[in-house]
């Protein structure tokens, strides 16, 4: 189960991406591998199911949303948290 505050933050940062015309099924949440959310494959957001992808290049406390294949127009990446 994901923390309610974490989900709110993810949805807040996801909103401008989705509103710019990107589809939720083409977006992934990149997280640190030791983050509690890293063990989940997907989380349910108000925009639909969001894929979770652990990245060894991220330190704990850092995460970002990224379009799986960057396309033209709109917003394709957005930091959720960074320390």
PDB file of N, CA and C in Angstrom:
ATOM      1  N   UNK A   1       0.851  -1.193   0.000  1.00  0.00           N
ATOM      2  CA  UNK A   1       0.000   0.000   0.000  1.00  0.00           C
ATOM      3  C   UNK A   1       0.889   1.248   0.000  1.00  0.00           C
ATOM      4  N   UNK A   2       0.542   2.187  -0.833  1.00  0.00           N
ATOM      5  CA  UNK A   2       1.316   3.420  -0.942  1.00  0.00           C
ATOM      6  C   UNK A   2       0.797   4.468   0.055  1.00  0.00           C
ATOM      7  N   UNK A   3       1.713   5.229   0.588  1.00  0.00           N
ATOM      8  CA  UNK A   3       1.392   6.314   1.501  1.00  0.00           C
ATOM      9  C   UNK A   3       0.475   7.318   0.794  1.00  0.00           C
ATOM     10  N   UNK A   4      -0.560   7.782   1.499  1.00  0.00           N
ATOM     11  CA  UNK A   4      -1.533   8.706   0.912  1.00  0.00           C
ATOM     12  C   UNK A   4      -0.867  10.003   0.450  1.00  0.00           C
ATOM     13  N   UNK A   5       0.028  10.543   1.255  1.00  0.00           N
ATOM     14  CA  UNK A   5       0.723  11.788   0.896  1.00  0.00           C
ATOM     15  C   UNK A   5       1.598  11.585  -0.341  1.00  0.00           C
ATOM     16  N   UNK A   6       2.254  10.432  -0.436  1.00  0.00           N
ATOM     17  CA  UNK A   6       3.086  10.126  -1.603  1.00  0.00           C
ATOM     18  C   UNK A   6       2.218  10.050  -2.864  1.00  0.00           C
ATOM     19  N   UNK A   7       1.064   9.408  -2.755  1.00  0.00           N
ATOM     20  CA  UNK A   7       0.159   9.303  -3.895  1.00  0.00           C
ATOM     21  C   UNK A   7      -0.330  10.685  -4.328  1.00  0.00           C
ATOM     22  N   UNK A   8      -0.653  11.536  -3.368  1.00  0.00           N
ATOM     23  CA  UNK A   8      -1.097  12.893  -3.693  1.00  0.00           C
ATOM     24  C   UNK A   8      -0.005  13.652  -4.450  1.00  0.00           C
ATOM     25  N   UNK A   9       1.232  13.515  -3.992  1.00  0.00           N
ATOM     26  CA  UNK A   9       2.351  14.189  -4.637  1.00  0.00           C
ATOM     27  C   UNK A   9       2.567  13.668  -6.058  1.00  0.00           C
ATOM     28  N   UNK A  10       2.481  12.361  -6.237  1.00  0.00           N
ATOM     29  CA  UNK A  10       2.635  11.752  -7.563  1.00  0.00           C
ATOM     30  C   UNK A  10       1.545  12.268  -8.496  1.00  0.00           C
ATOM     31  N   UNK A  11       0.305  12.272  -8.021  1.00  0.00           N
ATOM     32  CA  UNK A  11      -0.804  12.739  -8.858  1.00  0.00           C
ATOM     33  C   UNK A  11      -0.677  14.226  -9.188  1.00  0.00           C
ATOM     34  N   UNK A  12      -0.190  15.012  -8.251  1.00  0.00           N
ATOM     35  CA  UNK A  12       0.017  16.443  -8.475  1.00  0.00           C
ATOM     36  C   UNK A  12       1.024  16.671  -9.605  1.00  0.00           C
ATOM     37  N   UNK A  13       2.095  15.897  -9.609  1.00  0.00           N
ATOM     38  CA  UNK A  13       3.125  16.032 -10.637  1.00  0.00           C
ATOM     39  C   UNK A  13       2.729  15.358 -11.955  1.00  0.00           C
ATOM     40  N   UNK A  14       1.841  14.383 -11.871  1.00  0.00           N
ATOM     41  CA  UNK A  14       1.355  13.673 -13.048  1.00  0.00           C
ATOM     42  C   UNK A  14       0.343  14.516 -13.833  1.00  0.00           C
ATOM     43  N   UNK A  15      -0.407  15.340 -13.119  1.00  0.00           N
ATOM     44  CA  UNK A  15      -1.473  16.126 -13.736  1.00  0.00           C
ATOM     45  C   UNK A  15      -1.035  16.953 -14.949  1.00  0.00           C
ATOM     46  N   UNK A  16       0.043  17.770 -14.852  1.00  0.00           N
ATOM     47  CA  UNK A  16       0.416  18.552 -16.038  1.00  0.00           C
ATOM     48  C   UNK A  16       0.869  17.697 -17.223  1.00  0.00           C
ATOM     49  N   UNK A  17       1.414  16.529 -16.943  1.00  0.00           N
ATOM     50  CA  UNK A  17       1.835  15.630 -18.032  1.00  0.00           C
ATOM     51  C   UNK A  17       0.613  15.108 -18.764  1.00  0.00           C
ATOM     52  N   UNK A  18      -0.366  14.614 -17.999  1.00  0.00           N
ATOM     53  CA  UNK A  18      -1.588  14.070 -18.589  1.00  0.00           C
ATOM     54  C   UNK A  18      -2.371  15.173 -19.300  1.00  0.00           C
ATOM     55  N   UNK A  19      -2.467  16.336 -18.676  1.00  0.00           N
ATOM     56  CA  UNK A  19      -3.206  17.445 -19.290  1.00  0.00           C
ATOM     57  C   UNK A  19      -2.527  17.981 -20.546  1.00  0.00           C
ATOM     58  N   UNK A  20      -1.228  17.721 -20.698  1.00  0.00           N
ATOM     59  CA  UNK A  20      -0.533  18.161 -21.912  1.00  0.00           C
ATOM     60  C   UNK A  20      -0.760  17.192 -23.076  1.00  0.00           C
ATOM     61  N   UNK A  21      -1.519  16.138 -22.820  1.00  0.00           N
ATOM     62  CA  UNK A  21      -1.875  15.222 -23.895  1.00  0.00           C
ATOM     63  C   UNK A  21      -1.198  13.866 -23.845  1.00  0.00           C
ATOM     64  N   UNK A  22      -0.387  13.631 -22.832  1.00  0.00           N
ATOM     65  CA  UNK A  22       0.292  12.333 -22.710  1.00  0.00           C
ATOM     66  C   UNK A  22      -0.653  11.307 -22.088  1.00  0.00           C
ATOM     67  N   UNK A  23      -0.502  10.054 -22.501  1.00  0.00           N
ATOM     68  CA  UNK A  23      -1.348   8.975 -21.983  1.00  0.00           C
ATOM     69  C   UNK A  23      -0.677   8.300 -20.795  1.00  0.00           C
ATOM     70  N   UNK A  24      -1.467   7.991 -19.760  1.00  0.00           N
ATOM     71  CA  UNK A  24      -0.946   7.389 -18.526  1.00  0.00           C
ATOM     72  C   UNK A  24      -0.254   6.054 -18.804  1.00  0.00           C
ATOM     73  N   UNK A  25      -0.716   5.303 -19.789  1.00  0.00           N
ATOM     74  CA  UNK A  25      -0.097   4.009 -20.077  1.00  0.00           C
ATOM     75  C   UNK A  25       1.264   4.158 -20.755  1.00  0.00           C
ATOM     76  N   UNK A  26       1.654   5.386 -21.106  1.00  0.00           N
ATOM     77  CA  UNK A  26       2.972   5.649 -21.683  1.00  0.00           C
ATOM     78  C   UNK A  26       3.889   6.384 -20.718  1.00  0.00           C
ATOM     79  N   UNK A  27       3.519   6.399 -19.435  1.00  0.00           N
ATOM     80  CA  UNK A  27       4.299   7.109 -18.427  1.00  0.00           C
ATOM     81  C   UNK A  27       4.760   6.122 -17.368  1.00  0.00           C
ATOM     82  N   UNK A  28       5.976   6.325 -16.873  1.00  0.00           N
ATOM     83  CA  UNK A  28       6.483   5.480 -15.792  1.00  0.00           C
ATOM     84  C   UNK A  28       7.032   6.364 -14.681  1.00  0.00           C
ATOM     85  N   UNK A  29       6.972   5.852 -13.463  1.00  0.00           N
ATOM     86  CA  UNK A  29       7.534   6.527 -12.300  1.00  0.00           C
ATOM     87  C   UNK A  29       8.868   5.878 -11.998  1.00  0.00           C
ATOM     88  N   UNK A  30       9.939   6.633 -12.147  1.00  0.00           N
ATOM     89  CA  UNK A  30      11.287   6.143 -11.871  1.00  0.00           C
ATOM     90  C   UNK A  30      11.593   6.399 -10.396  1.00  0.00           C
ATOM     91  N   UNK A  31      11.989   5.355  -9.672  1.00  0.00           N
ATOM     92  CA  UNK A  31      12.255   5.466  -8.236  1.00  0.00           C
ATOM     93  C   UNK A  31      13.569   4.789  -7.866  1.00  0.00           C
ATOM     94  N   UNK A  32      14.091   5.134  -6.709  1.00  0.00           N
ATOM     95  CA  UNK A  32      15.274   4.481  -6.153  1.00  0.00           C
ATOM     96  C   UNK A  32      14.933   3.024  -5.832  1.00  0.00           C
ATOM     97  N   UNK A  33      15.833   2.078  -6.096  1.00  0.00           N
ATOM     98  CA  UNK A  33      15.540   0.665  -5.854  1.00  0.00           C
ATOM     99  C   UNK A  33      15.275   0.316  -4.389  1.00  0.00           C
ATOM    100  N   UNK A  34      15.774   1.118  -3.439  1.00  0.00           N
ATOM    101  CA  UNK A  34      15.526   0.818  -2.021  1.00  0.00           C
ATOM    102  C   UNK A  34      14.308   1.549  -1.475  1.00  0.00           C
ATOM    103  N   UNK A  35      13.629   2.305  -2.315  1.00  0.00           N
ATOM    104  CA  UNK A  35      12.399   2.984  -1.918  1.00  0.00           C
ATOM    105  C   UNK A  35      11.303   1.941  -1.672  1.00  0.00           C
ATOM    106  N   UNK A  36      10.453   2.143  -0.669  1.00  0.00           N
ATOM    107  CA  UNK A  36       9.370   1.179  -0.405  1.00  0.00           C
ATOM    108  C   UNK A  36       8.449   0.955  -1.608  1.00  0.00           C
ATOM    109  N   UNK A  37       8.275   1.963  -2.429  1.00  0.00           N
ATOM    110  CA  UNK A  37       7.390   1.842  -3.596  1.00  0.00           C
ATOM    111  C   UNK A  37       8.022   1.007  -4.714  1.00  0.00           C
ATOM    112  N   UNK A  38       9.329   0.799  -4.660  1.00  0.00           N
ATOM    113  CA  UNK A  38      10.044   0.076  -5.721  1.00  0.00           C
ATOM    114  C   UNK A  38       9.610  -1.379  -5.853  1.00  0.00           C
ATOM    115  N   UNK A  39       9.035  -1.959  -4.810  1.00  0.00           N
ATOM    116  CA  UNK A  39       8.602  -3.361  -4.881  1.00  0.00           C
ATOM    117  C   UNK A  39       7.267  -3.514  -5.608  1.00  0.00           C
ATOM    118  N   UNK A  40       6.593  -2.405  -5.833  1.00  0.00           N
ATOM    119  CA  UNK A  40       5.317  -2.444  -6.541  1.00  0.00           C
ATOM    120  C   UNK A  40       5.559  -2.347  -8.041  1.00  0.00           C
ATOM    121  N   UNK A  41       4.749  -3.031  -8.818  1.00  0.00           N
ATOM    122  CA  UNK A  41       4.867  -2.936 -10.275  1.00  0.00           C
ATOM    123  C   UNK A  41       4.077  -1.763 -10.823  1.00  0.00           C
ATOM    124  N   UNK A  42       2.924  -1.515 -10.224  1.00  0.00           N
ATOM    125  CA  UNK A  42       2.032  -0.437 -10.658  1.00  0.00           C
ATOM    126  C   UNK A  42       1.280   0.111  -9.452  1.00  0.00           C
ATOM    127  N   UNK A  43       0.852   1.368  -9.580  1.00  0.00           N
ATOM    128  CA  UNK A  43      -0.026   1.949  -8.573  1.00  0.00           C
ATOM    129  C   UNK A  43      -1.219   2.569  -9.285  1.00  0.00           C
ATOM    130  N   UNK A  44      -2.348   2.574  -8.590  1.00  0.00           N
ATOM    131  CA  UNK A  44      -3.550   3.171  -9.155  1.00  0.00           C
ATOM    132  C   UNK A  44      -3.574   4.659  -8.808  1.00  0.00           C
ATOM    133  N   UNK A  45      -3.696   5.495  -9.823  1.00  0.00           N
ATOM    134  CA  UNK A  45      -3.834   6.937  -9.637  1.00  0.00           C
ATOM    135  C   UNK A  45      -5.198   7.342 -10.176  1.00  0.00           C
ATOM    136  N   UNK A  46      -5.571   8.587  -9.958  1.00  0.00           N
ATOM    137  CA  UNK A  46      -6.861   9.037 -10.493  1.00  0.00           C
ATOM    138  C   UNK A  46      -6.841   9.120 -12.015  1.00  0.00           C
ATOM    139  N   UNK A  47      -5.671   9.000 -12.622  1.00  0.00           N
ATOM    140  CA  UNK A  47      -5.536   9.021 -14.079  1.00  0.00           C
ATOM    141  C   UNK A  47      -5.429   7.623 -14.677  1.00  0.00           C
ATOM    142  N   UNK A  48      -5.342   6.609 -13.825  1.00  0.00           N
ATOM    143  CA  UNK A  48      -5.197   5.230 -14.273  1.00  0.00           C
ATOM    144  C   UNK A  48      -3.986   4.580 -13.621  1.00  0.00           C
ATOM    145  N   UNK A  49      -3.626   3.409 -14.108  1.00  0.00           N
ATOM    146  CA  UNK A  49      -2.512   2.659 -13.549  1.00  0.00           C
ATOM    147  C   UNK A  49      -1.183   3.238 -14.034  1.00  0.00           C
ATOM    148  N   UNK A  50      -0.260   3.434 -13.078  1.00  0.00           N
ATOM    149  CA  UNK A  50       1.053   4.008 -13.369  1.00  0.00           C
ATOM    150  C   UNK A  50       2.124   2.967 -13.105  1.00  0.00           C
ATOM    151  N   UNK A  51       2.977   2.748 -14.075  1.00  0.00           N
ATOM    152  CA  UNK A  51       4.055   1.762 -13.964  1.00  0.00           C
ATOM    153  C   UNK A  51       5.178   2.310 -13.080  1.00  0.00           C
ATOM    154  N   UNK A  52       5.715   1.460 -12.171  1.00  0.00           N
ATOM    155  CA  UNK A  52       6.823   1.804 -11.282  1.00  0.00           C
ATOM    156  C   UNK A  52       8.083   1.111 -11.795  1.00  0.00           C
ATOM    157  N   UNK A  53       9.168   1.874 -11.961  1.00  0.00           N
ATOM    158  CA  UNK A  53      10.428   1.315 -12.462  1.00  0.00           C
ATOM    159  C   UNK A  53      11.576   1.746 -11.545  1.00  0.00           C
ATOM    160  N   UNK A  54      12.195   0.793 -10.838  1.00  0.00           N
ATOM    161  CA  UNK A  54      13.371   1.124 -10.017  1.00  0.00           C
ATOM    162  C   UNK A  54      14.563   1.468 -10.916  1.00  0.00           C
ATOM    163  N   UNK A  55      15.351   2.444 -10.484  1.00  0.00           N
ATOM    164  CA  UNK A  55      16.537   2.849 -11.244  1.00  0.00           C
ATOM    165  C   UNK A  55      17.733   2.950 -10.302  1.00  0.00           C
ATOM    166  N   UNK A  56      18.797   2.236 -10.614  1.00  0.00           N
ATOM    167  CA  UNK A  56      20.007   2.271  -9.785  1.00  0.00           C
ATOM    168  C   UNK A  56      20.684   3.637  -9.836  1.00  0.00           C
ATOM    169  N   UNK A  57      20.278   4.475 -10.755  1.00  0.00           N
ATOM    170  CA  UNK A  57      20.885   5.804 -10.898  1.00  0.00           C
ATOM    171  C   UNK A  57      20.243   6.856  -9.997  1.00  0.00           C
ATOM    172  N   UNK A  58      19.170   6.479  -9.300  1.00  0.00           N
ATOM    173  CA  UNK A  58      18.489   7.421  -8.411  1.00  0.00           C
ATOM    174  C   UNK A  58      18.830   7.135  -6.961  1.00  0.00           C
ATOM    175  N   UNK A  59      19.089   8.185  -6.202  1.00  0.00           N
ATOM    176  CA  UNK A  59      19.331   8.052  -4.765  1.00  0.00           C
ATOM    177  C   UNK A  59      17.992   8.044  -4.040  1.00  0.00           C
ATOM    178  N   UNK A  60      17.979   7.511  -2.839  1.00  0.00           N
ATOM    179  CA  UNK A  60      16.763   7.479  -2.046  1.00  0.00           C
ATOM    180  C   UNK A  60      16.249   8.904  -1.850  1.00  0.00           C
ATOM    181  N   UNK A  61      14.967   9.081  -2.042  1.00  0.00           N
ATOM    182  CA  UNK A  61      14.349  10.391  -1.927  1.00  0.00           C
ATOM    183  C   UNK A  61      14.145  11.075  -3.265  1.00  0.00           C
ATOM    184  N   UNK A  62      14.684  10.495  -4.337  1.00  0.00           N
ATOM    185  CA  UNK A  62      14.518  11.064  -5.674  1.00  0.00           C
ATOM    186  C   UNK A  62      13.594  10.189  -6.507  1.00  0.00           C
ATOM    187  N   UNK A  63      12.720  10.827  -7.253  1.00  0.00           N
ATOM    188  CA  UNK A  63      11.851  10.106  -8.180  1.00  0.00           C
ATOM    189  C   UNK A  63      11.343  11.084  -9.232  1.00  0.00           C
ATOM    190  N   UNK A  64      11.040  10.542 -10.392  1.00  0.00           N
ATOM    191  CA  UNK A  64      10.486  11.389 -11.445  1.00  0.00           C
ATOM    192  C   UNK A  64       9.570  10.591 -12.351  1.00  0.00           C
ATOM    193  N   UNK A  65       8.678  11.313 -13.003  1.00  0.00           N
ATOM    194  CA  UNK A  65       7.772  10.738 -13.978  1.00  0.00           C
ATOM    195  C   UNK A  65       8.371  10.975 -15.356  1.00  0.00           C
ATOM    196  N   UNK A  66       8.280   9.957 -16.203  1.00  0.00           N
ATOM    197  CA  UNK A  66       8.875  10.077 -17.531  1.00  0.00           C
ATOM    198  C   UNK A  66       8.018   9.326 -18.534  1.00  0.00           C
ATOM    199  N   UNK A  67       7.848   9.938 -19.671  1.00  0.00           N
ATOM    200  CA  UNK A  67       7.167   9.250 -20.757  1.00  0.00           C
ATOM    201  C   UNK A  67       8.082   8.109 -21.218  1.00  0.00           C
ATOM    202  N   UNK A  68       7.530   6.935 -21.429  1.00  0.00           N
ATOM    203  CA  UNK A  68       8.334   5.764 -21.787  1.00  0.00           C
ATOM    204  C   UNK A  68       9.116   6.038 -23.077  1.00  0.00           C
ATOM    205  N   UNK A  69       8.449   6.543 -24.070  1.00  0.00           N
ATOM    206  CA  UNK A  69       9.118   6.974 -25.298  1.00  0.00           C
ATOM    207  C   UNK A  69       8.719   8.435 -25.487  1.00  0.00           C
ATOM    208  N   UNK A  70       9.684   9.324 -25.317  1.00  0.00           N
ATOM    209  CA  UNK A  70       9.398  10.755 -25.405  1.00  0.00           C
ATOM    210  C   UNK A  70       8.828  11.093 -26.781  1.00  0.00           C
ATOM    211  N   UNK A  71       7.675  11.761 -26.782  1.00  0.00           N
ATOM    212  CA  UNK A  71       7.041  12.176 -28.029  1.00  0.00           C
ATOM    213  C   UNK A  71       6.983  13.695 -28.081  1.00  0.00           C
ATOM    214  N   UNK A  72       6.717  14.212 -29.242  1.00  0.00           N
ATOM    215  CA  UNK A  72       6.665  15.665 -29.436  1.00  0.00           C
ATOM    216  C   UNK A  72       5.438  16.255 -28.750  1.00  0.00           C
ATOM    217  N   UNK A  73       5.597  17.484 -28.310  1.00  0.00           N
ATOM    218  CA  UNK A  73       4.481  18.221 -27.734  1.00  0.00           C
ATOM    219  C   UNK A  73       4.220  17.840 -26.293  1.00  0.00           C
ATOM    220  N   UNK A  74       3.766  18.778 -25.536  1.00  0.00           N
ATOM    221  CA  UNK A  74       3.409  18.518 -24.155  1.00  0.00           C
ATOM    222  C   UNK A  74       4.616  18.320 -23.259  1.00  0.00           C
ATOM    223  N   UNK A  75       4.339  17.873 -22.072  1.00  0.00           N
ATOM    224  CA  UNK A  75       5.354  17.661 -21.044  1.00  0.00           C
ATOM    225  C   UNK A  75       5.644  16.176 -20.941  1.00  0.00           C
ATOM    226  N   UNK A  76       6.909  15.752 -21.123  1.00  0.00           N
ATOM    227  CA  UNK A  76       7.259  14.333 -21.121  1.00  0.00           C
ATOM    228  C   UNK A  76       8.013  13.877 -19.893  1.00  0.00           C
ATOM    229  N   UNK A  77       8.398  14.807 -19.001  1.00  0.00           N
ATOM    230  CA  UNK A  77       9.142  14.437 -17.798  1.00  0.00           C
ATOM    231  C   UNK A  77       8.838  15.463 -16.704  1.00  0.00           C
ATOM    232  N   UNK A  78       8.797  14.994 -15.454  1.00  0.00           N
ATOM    233  CA  UNK A  78       8.543  15.899 -14.332  1.00  0.00           C
ATOM    234  C   UNK A  78       9.070  15.258 -13.053  1.00  0.00           C
ATOM    235  N   UNK A  79       9.869  16.001 -12.281  1.00  0.00           N
ATOM    236  CA  UNK A  79      10.361  15.509 -11.001  1.00  0.00           C
ATOM    237  C   UNK A  79       9.202  15.395 -10.018  1.00  0.00           C
ATOM    238  N   UNK A  80       9.142  14.303  -9.298  1.00  0.00           N
ATOM    239  CA  UNK A  80       8.176  14.156  -8.213  1.00  0.00           C
ATOM    240  C   UNK A  80       8.830  14.624  -6.932  1.00  0.00           C
ATOM    241  N   UNK A  81      10.041  14.145  -6.693  1.00  0.00           N
ATOM    242  CA  UNK A  81      10.791  14.582  -5.515  1.00  0.00           C
ATOM    243  C   UNK A  81      12.280  14.508  -5.828  1.00  0.00           C
ATOM    244  N   UNK A  82      13.021  15.436  -5.266  1.00  0.00           N
ATOM    245  CA  UNK A  82      14.478  15.389  -5.390  1.00  0.00           C
ATOM    246  C   UNK A  82      15.068  16.083  -4.195  1.00  0.00           C
ATOM    247  N   UNK A  83      16.064  15.447  -3.615  1.00  0.00           N
ATOM    248  CA  UNK A  83      16.688  15.989  -2.417  1.00  0.00           C
ATOM    249  C   UNK A  83      17.972  16.687  -2.768  1.00  0.00           C
TER     250      UNK A  83
END
